Structures are given as structure tokens and as C-alpha cells.
Amino acid sequence: MTTPNGTAQSEVTKVQEGAGTAEEALRARHAARARSAVDRALAACRHAGVHDSQAKLVPNSPESKAAHAVRLSSEAVEALAKSAPDPAADARCARNAAATATVAAQVAQAHDGSSERAEAAYRAALQASMDAAAAAGGQGLGRDEELNAKAEAAEAAAVTAARAAGWL
């Protein structure tokens, strides 16, 4: 059977299957980055003594802002698994989780004072957030291999820095 443009139906099916597989692979990468960032955020909050009960719909302190952001990011990452793969949306979820981890890192840094390792962990979290934003942004929309790889490397560096600071 052929399509209206003369392409064999089996060829179209192969292309569609390949696209699904590519989107699923991108979903796995973005989801892994998002989960890692949420884990960092949770650990930083725990380190700083921030509890889920401090989350407020309208945050009035850095701690309530961090707790609320962690709650929202956790829910978004859970919801990601229930939806169809969409590289742009998946990358935005990872970007939002990385931004949450930056907010939490800022709270943990303030808790630690002027510790050099806390400062390095905060800077690494900020870099991971910026690289995740670039990967999700207008040019790549979650599909650019170079931007995704850079975001993954920055997330790994943020995990290492958070571990060195004693947050993980």
C-alpha cells in the first residue's frame, strides 16, 4: 500500500516508529535530568532544614519559596511519566526542575554561610539551570544534541558539587 505521495506504507510506519523511539529516548534523557535536579533540590532543602510543610501558595520567605518549588517540580516530574513524549515539554520540565534546584541551593548556601563548597554548589546549580534553559529554549526545543549534552554535563557537575558541599 502507498500513501498519496507514493511512499510505501511500510516506509512511513518505519519512520513513525523511529520518530517515536527518538522522542522516547529524548524523554528518558530529559526526565533523568529533571529527576536528578529534583533530588538535588530535596537534598538541599533537607540540609537547610526546609520541610514540605513550609510550602505556601504565595511564598513569603526563601524557605517557603524553595519548599513550594520543590513540591511543584516533584509533581511535574511525576506527571511527565503519564504523558506522551514531547521533547520541548520534557526539556521545559527539566529546565523548571533545574531552576527549582537553584532556588534550593541558594537556601542551602545561606544556611551554610560563606562556605566555599556551598558557593561552588550554588554556582554549579545556577549553571545547570542556565544550560537546561538553553536546551529547552527556542533553537533546540529539547532536540538539540549539543545543548542536551551540555545540560546533562552541567547537571552531573551540580550533583558532584552538591555532594562536595554535603547536601547529598
C-alpha atoms as a PDB file:
ATOM      1  CA  MET A   1       0.000   0.000   0.000  1.00  0.00           C
ATOM      2  CA  THR A   2       1.249   3.507  -0.752  1.00  0.00           C
ATOM      3  CA  THR A   3       0.462   6.919   0.664  1.00  0.00           C
ATOM      4  CA  PRO A   4      -0.900   9.729  -1.549  1.00  0.00           C
ATOM      5  CA  ASN A   5       2.661  10.898  -2.253  1.00  0.00           C
ATOM      6  CA  GLY A   6       3.739   7.422  -3.426  1.00  0.00           C
ATOM      7  CA  THR A   7       5.706   6.371  -0.338  1.00  0.00           C
ATOM      8  CA  ALA A   8       5.223   2.768   0.665  1.00  0.00           C
ATOM      9  CA  GLN A   9       3.116   2.468   3.844  1.00  0.00           C
ATOM     10  CA  SER A  10       5.763   0.257   5.476  1.00  0.00           C
ATOM     11  CA  GLU A  11       8.354   3.017   4.965  1.00  0.00           C
ATOM     12  CA  VAL A  12       6.072   5.581   6.624  1.00  0.00           C
ATOM     13  CA  THR A  13       5.492   3.213   9.531  1.00  0.00           C
ATOM     14  CA  LYS A  14       9.254   2.733   9.963  1.00  0.00           C
ATOM     15  CA  VAL A  15       9.814   6.484  10.009  1.00  0.00           C
ATOM     16  CA  GLN A  16       6.987   6.988  12.509  1.00  0.00           C
ATOM     17  CA  GLU A  17       8.341   4.211  14.726  1.00  0.00           C
ATOM     18  CA  GLY A  18      11.816   5.726  14.533  1.00  0.00           C
ATOM     19  CA  ALA A  19      10.418   9.145  15.483  1.00  0.00           C
ATOM     20  CA  GLY A  20       8.623   7.631  18.458  1.00  0.00           C
ATOM     21  CA  THR A  21      11.789   5.904  19.545  1.00  0.00           C
ATOM     22  CA  ALA A  22      13.775   9.144  19.221  1.00  0.00           C
ATOM     23  CA  GLU A  23      11.150  11.045  21.227  1.00  0.00           C
ATOM     24  CA  GLU A  24      11.134   8.320  23.863  1.00  0.00           C
ATOM     25  CA  ALA A  25      14.931   8.478  24.078  1.00  0.00           C
ATOM     26  CA  LEU A  26      14.779  12.252  24.488  1.00  0.00           C
ATOM     27  CA  ARG A  27      12.046  11.817  27.120  1.00  0.00           C
ATOM     28  CA  ALA A  28      14.306   9.473  29.068  1.00  0.00           C
ATOM     29  CA  ARG A  29      17.201  11.941  28.951  1.00  0.00           C
ATOM     30  CA  HIS A  30      15.122  14.973  29.958  1.00  0.00           C
ATOM     31  CA  ALA A  31      13.288  13.006  32.654  1.00  0.00           C
ATOM     32  CA  ALA A  32      16.564  11.749  34.127  1.00  0.00           C
ATOM     33  CA  ARG A  33      17.863  15.317  34.294  1.00  0.00           C
ATOM     34  CA  ALA A  34      14.605  16.522  35.852  1.00  0.00           C
ATOM     35  CA  ARG A  35      14.617  13.755  38.498  1.00  0.00           C
ATOM     36  CA  SER A  36      18.245  14.474  39.316  1.00  0.00           C
ATOM     37  CA  ALA A  37      17.522  18.183  39.756  1.00  0.00           C
ATOM     38  CA  VAL A  38      14.510  17.475  41.976  1.00  0.00           C
ATOM     39  CA  ASP A  39      16.650  15.103  44.051  1.00  0.00           C
ATOM     40  CA  ARG A  40      19.269  17.853  44.428  1.00  0.00           C
ATOM     41  CA  ALA A  41      16.590  20.336  45.426  1.00  0.00           C
ATOM     42  CA  LEU A  42      15.130  17.965  48.011  1.00  0.00           C
ATOM     43  CA  ALA A  43      18.577  17.269  49.439  1.00  0.00           C
ATOM     44  CA  ALA A  44      19.482  20.961  49.620  1.00  0.00           C
ATOM     45  CA  CYS A  45      16.193  21.728  51.371  1.00  0.00           C
ATOM     46  CA  ARG A  46      16.695  18.864  53.799  1.00  0.00           C
ATOM     47  CA  HIS A  47      20.230  20.108  54.502  1.00  0.00           C
ATOM     48  CA  ALA A  48      18.934  23.619  55.196  1.00  0.00           C
ATOM     49  CA  GLY A  49      16.118  22.352  57.407  1.00  0.00           C
ATOM     50  CA  VAL A  50      13.384  23.277  54.940  1.00  0.00           C
ATOM     51  CA  HIS A  51      10.347  20.997  55.171  1.00  0.00           C
ATOM     52  CA  ASP A  52       7.448  20.384  52.815  1.00  0.00           C
ATOM     53  CA  SER A  53       5.127  21.906  55.396  1.00  0.00           C
ATOM     54  CA  GLN A  54       6.781  25.294  54.742  1.00  0.00           C
ATOM     55  CA  ALA A  55       5.464  25.379  51.164  1.00  0.00           C
ATOM     56  CA  LYS A  56       2.965  28.178  50.616  1.00  0.00           C
ATOM     57  CA  LEU A  57       0.886  29.034  47.604  1.00  0.00           C
ATOM     58  CA  VAL A  58       2.212  32.575  47.898  1.00  0.00           C
ATOM     59  CA  PRO A  59       5.714  32.102  49.317  1.00  0.00           C
ATOM     60  CA  ASN A  60       6.768  34.744  51.844  1.00  0.00           C
ATOM     61  CA  SER A  61      10.325  33.602  52.537  1.00  0.00           C
ATOM     62  CA  PRO A  62      13.163  31.911  50.638  1.00  0.00           C
ATOM     63  CA  GLU A  63      12.397  28.708  52.547  1.00  0.00           C
ATOM     64  CA  SER A  64       8.703  28.688  51.620  1.00  0.00           C
ATOM     65  CA  LYS A  65       9.616  29.526  48.033  1.00  0.00           C
ATOM     66  CA  ALA A  66      12.043  26.583  47.900  1.00  0.00           C
ATOM     67  CA  ALA A  67       9.560  24.199  49.528  1.00  0.00           C
ATOM     68  CA  HIS A  68       6.799  25.262  47.134  1.00  0.00           C
ATOM     69  CA  ALA A  69       9.057  24.990  44.088  1.00  0.00           C
ATOM     70  CA  VAL A  70      10.191  21.501  45.120  1.00  0.00           C
ATOM     71  CA  ARG A  71       6.586  20.416  45.542  1.00  0.00           C
ATOM     72  CA  LEU A  72       5.607  21.728  42.104  1.00  0.00           C
ATOM     73  CA  SER A  73       8.650  20.246  40.378  1.00  0.00           C
ATOM     74  CA  SER A  74       8.116  16.878  42.026  1.00  0.00           C
ATOM     75  CA  GLU A  75       4.516  16.832  40.815  1.00  0.00           C
ATOM     76  CA  ALA A  76       5.571  17.868  37.309  1.00  0.00           C
ATOM     77  CA  VAL A  77       8.177  15.110  37.077  1.00  0.00           C
ATOM     78  CA  GLU A  78       5.581  12.562  38.214  1.00  0.00           C
ATOM     79  CA  ALA A  79       3.110  13.851  35.623  1.00  0.00           C
ATOM     80  CA  LEU A  80       5.747  13.613  32.905  1.00  0.00           C
ATOM     81  CA  ALA A  81       5.634   9.815  33.044  1.00  0.00           C
ATOM     82  CA  LYS A  82       1.881   9.852  32.380  1.00  0.00           C
ATOM     83  CA  SER A  83       2.002  11.905  29.194  1.00  0.00           C
ATOM     84  CA  ALA A  84       3.152  11.231  25.660  1.00  0.00           C
ATOM     85  CA  PRO A  85       6.776  12.111  24.915  1.00  0.00           C
ATOM     86  CA  ASP A  86       7.182  15.705  23.773  1.00  0.00           C
ATOM     87  CA  PRO A  87      10.828  16.806  23.661  1.00  0.00           C
ATOM     88  CA  ALA A  88      10.025  20.517  24.053  1.00  0.00           C
ATOM     89  CA  ALA A  89       7.718  19.986  27.041  1.00  0.00           C
ATOM     90  CA  ASP A  90      10.039  17.387  28.555  1.00  0.00           C
ATOM     91  CA  ALA A  91      13.004  19.773  28.288  1.00  0.00           C
ATOM     92  CA  ARG A  92      10.930  22.545  29.893  1.00  0.00           C
ATOM     93  CA  CYS A  93      10.148  20.223  32.794  1.00  0.00           C
ATOM     94  CA  ALA A  94      13.885  19.544  33.220  1.00  0.00           C
ATOM     95  CA  ARG A  95      14.552  23.295  32.996  1.00  0.00           C
ATOM     96  CA  ASN A  96      11.974  24.029  35.691  1.00  0.00           C
ATOM     97  CA  ALA A  97      13.404  21.324  37.937  1.00  0.00           C
ATOM     98  CA  ALA A  98      16.894  22.778  37.499  1.00  0.00           C
ATOM     99  CA  ALA A  99      15.580  26.241  38.391  1.00  0.00           C
ATOM    100  CA  THR A 100      13.991  24.726  41.499  1.00  0.00           C
ATOM    101  CA  ALA A 101      17.312  23.174  42.440  1.00  0.00           C
ATOM    102  CA  THR A 102      18.920  26.602  42.099  1.00  0.00           C
ATOM    103  CA  VAL A 103      16.384  28.153  44.493  1.00  0.00           C
ATOM    104  CA  ALA A 104      17.004  25.322  46.967  1.00  0.00           C
ATOM    105  CA  ALA A 105      20.770  25.670  46.556  1.00  0.00           C
ATOM    106  CA  GLN A 106      20.501  29.358  47.377  1.00  0.00           C
ATOM    107  CA  VAL A 107      18.681  28.496  50.622  1.00  0.00           C
ATOM    108  CA  ALA A 108      21.248  25.805  51.464  1.00  0.00           C
ATOM    109  CA  GLN A 109      24.089  28.206  50.715  1.00  0.00           C
ATOM    110  CA  ALA A 110      22.583  30.813  53.044  1.00  0.00           C
ATOM    111  CA  HIS A 111      22.223  28.118  55.695  1.00  0.00           C
ATOM    112  CA  ASP A 112      25.913  27.198  55.344  1.00  0.00           C
ATOM    113  CA  GLY A 113      27.196  30.765  55.446  1.00  0.00           C
ATOM    114  CA  SER A 114      30.172  31.668  53.323  1.00  0.00           C
ATOM    115  CA  SER A 115      31.408  28.115  52.806  1.00  0.00           C
ATOM    116  CA  GLU A 116      33.488  27.787  49.663  1.00  0.00           C
ATOM    117  CA  ARG A 117      31.887  24.423  48.839  1.00  0.00           C
ATOM    118  CA  ALA A 118      28.378  25.813  49.338  1.00  0.00           C
ATOM    119  CA  GLU A 119      29.214  28.692  46.996  1.00  0.00           C
ATOM    120  CA  ALA A 120      30.571  26.231  44.418  1.00  0.00           C
ATOM    121  CA  ALA A 121      27.434  24.093  44.724  1.00  0.00           C
ATOM    122  CA  TYR A 122      25.219  27.126  44.225  1.00  0.00           C
ATOM    123  CA  ARG A 123      27.236  28.241  41.164  1.00  0.00           C
ATOM    124  CA  ALA A 124      27.014  24.707  39.716  1.00  0.00           C
ATOM    125  CA  ALA A 125      23.248  24.650  40.302  1.00  0.00           C
ATOM    126  CA  LEU A 126      22.909  28.019  38.574  1.00  0.00           C
ATOM    127  CA  GLN A 127      24.978  26.790  35.608  1.00  0.00           C
ATOM    128  CA  ALA A 128      22.872  23.627  35.361  1.00  0.00           C
ATOM    129  CA  SER A 129      19.752  25.782  35.331  1.00  0.00           C
ATOM    130  CA  MET A 130      21.107  28.039  32.586  1.00  0.00           C
ATOM    131  CA  ASP A 131      22.199  25.073  30.464  1.00  0.00           C
ATOM    132  CA  ALA A 132      18.816  23.368  30.963  1.00  0.00           C
ATOM    133  CA  ALA A 133      17.143  26.609  29.859  1.00  0.00           C
ATOM    134  CA  ALA A 134      19.294  26.710  26.733  1.00  0.00           C
ATOM    135  CA  ALA A 135      18.407  23.079  25.931  1.00  0.00           C
ATOM    136  CA  ALA A 136      14.701  23.843  26.310  1.00  0.00           C
ATOM    137  CA  GLY A 137      14.914  27.179  24.534  1.00  0.00           C
ATOM    138  CA  GLY A 138      13.830  28.468  21.172  1.00  0.00           C
ATOM    139  CA  GLN A 139      16.525  26.958  18.982  1.00  0.00           C
ATOM    140  CA  GLY A 140      16.726  23.414  20.311  1.00  0.00           C
ATOM    141  CA  LEU A 141      13.286  22.857  21.828  1.00  0.00           C
ATOM    142  CA  GLY A 142      14.695  19.849  23.643  1.00  0.00           C
ATOM    143  CA  ARG A 143      16.020  18.183  20.480  1.00  0.00           C
ATOM    144  CA  ASP A 144      19.474  19.726  20.056  1.00  0.00           C
ATOM    145  CA  GLU A 145      22.072  17.069  20.877  1.00  0.00           C
ATOM    146  CA  GLU A 146      24.826  19.530  21.743  1.00  0.00           C
ATOM    147  CA  LEU A 147      22.617  21.587  24.079  1.00  0.00           C
ATOM    148  CA  ASN A 148      21.204  18.443  25.712  1.00  0.00           C
ATOM    149  CA  ALA A 149      24.681  17.026  26.270  1.00  0.00           C
ATOM    150  CA  LYS A 150      25.818  20.330  27.781  1.00  0.00           C
ATOM    151  CA  ALA A 151      22.782  20.354  30.117  1.00  0.00           C
ATOM    152  CA  GLU A 152      23.500  16.754  31.144  1.00  0.00           C
ATOM    153  CA  ALA A 153      27.145  17.562  31.888  1.00  0.00           C
ATOM    154  CA  ALA A 154      26.116  20.618  33.920  1.00  0.00           C
ATOM    155  CA  GLU A 155      23.610  18.528  35.896  1.00  0.00           C
ATOM    156  CA  ALA A 156      26.305  15.961  36.656  1.00  0.00           C
ATOM    157  CA  ALA A 157      28.638  18.752  37.792  1.00  0.00           C
ATOM    158  CA  ALA A 158      25.886  20.169  40.009  1.00  0.00           C
ATOM    159  CA  VAL A 159      25.383  16.757  41.618  1.00  0.00           C
ATOM    160  CA  THR A 160      29.117  16.485  42.274  1.00  0.00           C
ATOM    161  CA  ALA A 161      29.251  19.979  43.761  1.00  0.00           C
ATOM    162  CA  ALA A 162      26.194  19.366  45.962  1.00  0.00           C
ATOM    163  CA  ARG A 163      27.775  16.147  47.195  1.00  0.00           C
ATOM    164  CA  ALA A 164      31.040  18.004  47.965  1.00  0.00           C
ATOM    165  CA  ALA A 165      29.053  20.624  49.908  1.00  0.00           C
ATOM    166  CA  GLY A 166      27.479  17.876  51.994  1.00  0.00           C
ATOM    167  CA  TRP A 167      23.983  18.446  50.672  1.00  0.00           C
ATOM    168  CA  LEU A 168      23.630  14.992  49.081  1.00  0.00           C
END
